[in-house]
Protein backbone atom coordinates (compact mmCIF):
# COMPACT_ATOMS: atom_id res chain seq x y z
CA MET A 1 -31.74 20.68 13.56
CA THR A 2 -33.19 19.97 16.99
CA THR A 3 -36.63 21.28 17.78
CA SER A 4 -37.89 22.50 21.10
CA PRO A 5 -40.84 20.66 22.57
CA TRP A 6 -44.16 22.46 22.37
CA PHE A 7 -46.38 22.83 25.40
CA LEU A 8 -50.11 23.01 25.84
CA TYR A 9 -50.83 25.38 28.72
CA MET A 10 -53.66 26.95 30.68
CA ILE A 11 -53.57 30.26 32.52
CA ARG A 12 -56.04 31.28 35.23
CA THR A 13 -57.12 34.92 35.40
CA ALA A 14 -57.90 36.81 38.62
CA ALA A 15 -61.61 36.20 37.93
CA GLY A 16 -61.03 32.44 37.62
CA GLN A 17 -61.36 32.20 33.83
CA LEU A 18 -59.10 29.77 32.00
CA TYR A 19 -57.11 30.71 28.89
CA THR A 20 -55.64 27.91 26.77
CA GLY A 21 -52.68 28.20 24.41
CA ILE A 22 -49.53 26.57 23.06
CA SER A 23 -45.91 27.69 23.26
CA THR A 24 -42.34 26.43 23.26
CA ASP A 25 -41.82 28.29 26.56
CA PRO A 26 -44.93 28.60 28.77
CA VAL A 27 -43.12 30.64 31.46
CA ARG A 28 -42.00 33.23 28.92
CA ARG A 29 -45.50 33.24 27.45
CA LEU A 30 -46.98 33.90 30.91
CA ARG A 31 -44.60 36.86 31.27
CA GLN A 32 -45.83 38.15 27.92
CA HIS A 33 -49.46 37.77 28.94
CA ASN A 34 -48.71 39.56 32.24
CA GLY A 35 -47.25 42.50 30.31
CA GLU A 36 -43.66 41.98 31.50
CA LEU A 37 -42.60 41.25 27.90
CA ARG A 38 -44.13 42.31 24.59
CA GLY A 39 -46.52 40.00 22.77
CA GLY A 40 -49.24 38.94 25.20
CA ALA A 41 -52.77 38.05 24.10
CA LYS A 42 -55.28 40.90 23.97
CA ALA A 43 -57.84 38.60 25.60
CA LEU A 44 -55.82 38.64 28.83
CA ARG A 45 -55.08 42.35 29.12
CA GLY A 46 -56.27 43.79 32.41
CA LYS A 47 -57.29 40.37 33.76
CA GLY A 48 -54.28 39.76 36.01
CA PRO A 49 -52.70 38.64 38.08
CA LEU A 50 -52.37 35.59 35.87
CA GLN A 51 -51.25 32.17 37.03
CA LEU A 52 -49.88 29.28 34.95
CA VAL A 53 -51.94 26.33 36.20
CA TYR A 54 -51.35 23.62 33.59
CA GLN A 55 -48.69 22.63 31.09
CA LEU A 56 -48.18 19.48 29.10
CA ALA A 57 -45.25 18.76 26.77
CA MET A 58 -46.09 17.79 23.19
CA ALA A 59 -43.92 16.29 20.46
CA ASP A 60 -44.42 19.06 17.90
CA ARG A 61 -46.49 22.09 17.00
CA ALA A 62 -49.07 20.14 15.00
CA THR A 63 -49.75 17.81 17.92
CA ALA A 64 -49.92 20.75 20.33
CA SER A 65 -52.37 22.61 18.07
CA LYS A 66 -54.67 19.59 17.84
CA ALA A 67 -54.55 19.12 21.62
CA GLU A 68 -55.27 22.84 22.12
CA TYR A 69 -58.37 22.61 19.93
CA GLN A 70 -59.61 19.53 21.81
CA LEU A 71 -58.99 21.16 25.20
CA LYS A 72 -60.85 24.30 24.16
CA GLN A 73 -63.91 22.17 23.35
CA LEU A 74 -64.14 20.90 26.96
CA SER A 75 -66.31 22.44 29.66
CA LYS A 76 -64.69 24.45 32.42
CA ALA A 77 -65.38 21.58 34.83
CA ALA A 78 -63.51 19.15 32.57
CA LYS A 79 -60.59 21.59 32.30
CA GLU A 80 -60.50 21.97 36.09
CA GLN A 81 -60.41 18.16 36.33
CA ARG A 82 -57.36 18.09 34.02
CA ILE A 83 -55.64 20.72 36.15
CA SER A 84 -56.29 18.80 39.37
CA GLU A 85 -54.96 15.56 37.83
CA GLN A 86 -51.63 17.11 36.89
């Protein structure tokens, strides 16, 4: 069985806030968050338009989850630095 790569991603809201998550398909996940497909995060409802500003491929879900936790611990300035380096 082949597994899809997991991605760590960040989405910017219209107000400039950053939302961090993991997914096997960040573009589909953005569509969900935007309300185009079912299943978006409640935290992002009404905060659009949303923009996918960062994505990084990970080997597996466990690695992606650990990276997500670490990224969420960073300050907004550090997250913005990551985005600009990509």
